[in-house]
Protein backbone atom coordinates (compact mmCIF):
# COMPACT_ATOMS: atom_id res chain seq x y z
CA MET A 1 140.10 268.28 -36.49
CA SER A 2 141.94 270.69 -34.26
CA ALA A 3 139.34 270.18 -31.49
CA ASP A 4 139.98 266.42 -31.60
CA ALA A 5 143.72 266.98 -31.47
CA ALA A 6 143.33 269.36 -28.51
CA LEU A 7 141.22 266.79 -26.64
CA ALA A 8 143.77 264.06 -27.34
CA ALA A 9 146.61 266.29 -26.16
CA GLU A 10 144.70 267.16 -22.98
CA ALA A 11 143.95 263.47 -22.30
CA SER A 12 147.59 262.46 -22.69
CA LYS A 13 148.66 265.37 -20.48
CA THR A 14 146.23 264.33 -17.75
CA GLY A 15 147.27 260.71 -18.06
CA GLY A 16 150.92 261.75 -17.75
CA LEU A 17 150.15 263.65 -14.55
CA TRP A 18 148.47 260.63 -13.00
CA TYR A 19 151.35 258.41 -14.03
CA ARG A 20 153.92 260.75 -12.49
CA ALA A 21 151.84 261.01 -9.32
CA ALA A 22 151.61 257.23 -9.11
CA VAL A 23 155.37 256.85 -9.61
CA ARG A 24 156.11 259.41 -6.90
CA ALA A 25 153.64 257.80 -4.50
CA SER A 26 155.25 254.41 -5.07
CA MET A 27 158.68 255.93 -4.40
CA VAL A 28 157.45 257.37 -1.10
CA ALA A 29 155.87 254.03 -0.17
CA ALA A 30 159.12 252.21 -1.01
CA ALA A 31 161.14 254.61 1.15
CA PHE A 32 158.65 254.19 4.00
CA CYS A 33 158.83 250.40 3.73
CA ALA A 34 162.63 250.53 3.69
CA VAL A 35 162.72 252.60 6.90
CA VAL A 36 160.23 250.30 8.64
CA LEU A 37 162.19 247.24 7.51
CA VAL A 38 165.45 248.65 8.87
CA LEU A 39 163.78 249.38 12.21
CA LEU A 40 162.37 245.85 12.34
CA VAL A 41 165.80 244.34 11.65
CA VAL A 42 167.37 246.47 14.39
CA ASN A 43 164.62 245.41 16.78
CA PHE A 44 165.17 241.76 15.86
CA ILE A 45 168.93 241.98 16.47
CA GLN A 46 168.43 243.69 19.81
CA SER A 47 165.81 241.19 20.89
CA ARG A 48 168.14 238.28 20.09
CA ASN A 49 170.79 239.81 22.36
CA ALA A 50 168.31 240.29 25.23
CA ASP A 51 166.58 236.92 25.20
CA PRO A 52 164.34 236.69 28.31
CA LEU A 53 164.47 232.91 28.27
CA LYS A 54 168.20 232.85 29.06
CA PRO A 55 168.82 235.54 31.65
CA ALA A 56 172.13 234.80 33.31
CA GLN A 57 171.77 237.45 35.98
CA ILE A 58 168.38 236.25 37.19
CA THR A 59 169.63 232.67 37.32
CA THR A 60 172.47 233.63 39.64
CA LEU A 61 170.10 235.66 41.81
CA GLN A 62 167.71 232.71 42.06
CA ALA A 63 170.55 230.38 43.02
CA GLU A 64 171.55 232.86 45.70
CA LEU A 65 167.93 233.04 46.83
CA LEU A 66 167.89 229.27 47.35
CA LYS A 67 170.77 229.70 49.79
CA GLN A 68 169.07 232.64 51.55
CA PRO A 69 165.30 232.12 51.32
CA ASP A 70 164.51 234.76 53.96
CA ASN A 71 166.38 237.60 52.24
CA GLU A 72 163.61 240.05 51.27
CA GLN A 73 165.98 242.40 49.45
CA LEU A 74 167.16 239.54 47.23
CA LYS A 75 163.56 238.52 46.53
CA GLN A 76 162.78 242.08 45.52
CA GLN A 77 165.79 242.16 43.19
CA VAL A 78 164.64 238.96 41.49
CA ARG A 79 161.12 240.33 41.08
CA GLN A 80 162.37 243.64 39.72
CA LEU A 81 164.73 242.01 37.24
CA ASP A 82 162.04 239.56 36.13
CA TRP A 83 159.58 242.42 35.60
CA GLN A 84 162.14 244.38 33.56
CA LEU A 85 162.91 241.38 31.35
CA ARG A 86 159.23 240.67 30.74
CA ARG A 87 158.43 244.30 30.02
CA GLU A 88 161.28 244.60 27.51
CA TYR A 89 160.29 241.33 25.85
CA PHE A 90 156.68 242.36 25.33
CA GLN A 91 157.63 245.86 24.20
CA ARG A 92 159.86 244.39 21.51
CA ARG A 93 157.13 241.97 20.46
CA ASN A 94 154.58 244.77 20.18
CA PHE A 95 157.07 246.91 18.25
CA ALA A 96 157.61 244.06 15.79
CA LEU A 97 153.87 243.49 15.43
CA TYR A 98 153.11 247.15 14.77
CA GLY A 99 156.06 247.30 12.39
CA LEU A 100 154.63 244.36 10.50
CA TYR A 101 151.28 246.12 10.19
CA LEU A 102 153.01 249.28 8.96
CA LEU A 103 155.04 247.28 6.46
CA LEU A 104 151.93 245.55 5.12
CA GLY A 105 150.15 248.90 4.93
CA GLY A 106 153.06 250.44 3.04
CA VAL A 107 153.14 247.66 0.51
C-alpha cells in the first residue's frame, strides 16, 4: 500500500509542477502581450498625428512650386519632404504589422 501511496504522491507533485510552470508561462505571455499592445497603441496614436495623406507643409510647397516652376531647390525640398513622409508611413505600417504578428504569437 505504501508503494501505491508514494506513486500517487509523486504523480500529484509532478502534476503540480507542470501546473505552476504553465501558470508562470501564461503570466509571462500576458505581460509580453500587454507590452506589445501598448507599443501598438502608441504607434497608432503617432501615425494618426502624422497622416501622410494630409501634409500641410508639402501642400504649401507645391503651391509655391506652381508659382516658380523653374526653382530646383524648391523641387528638391518637395521631393525630400515627400520621401520622408512616405518612409515614415511605411515604417509605421511595418511596425504595426510585426506587432500584430508578435501579439498573435504571444496569445
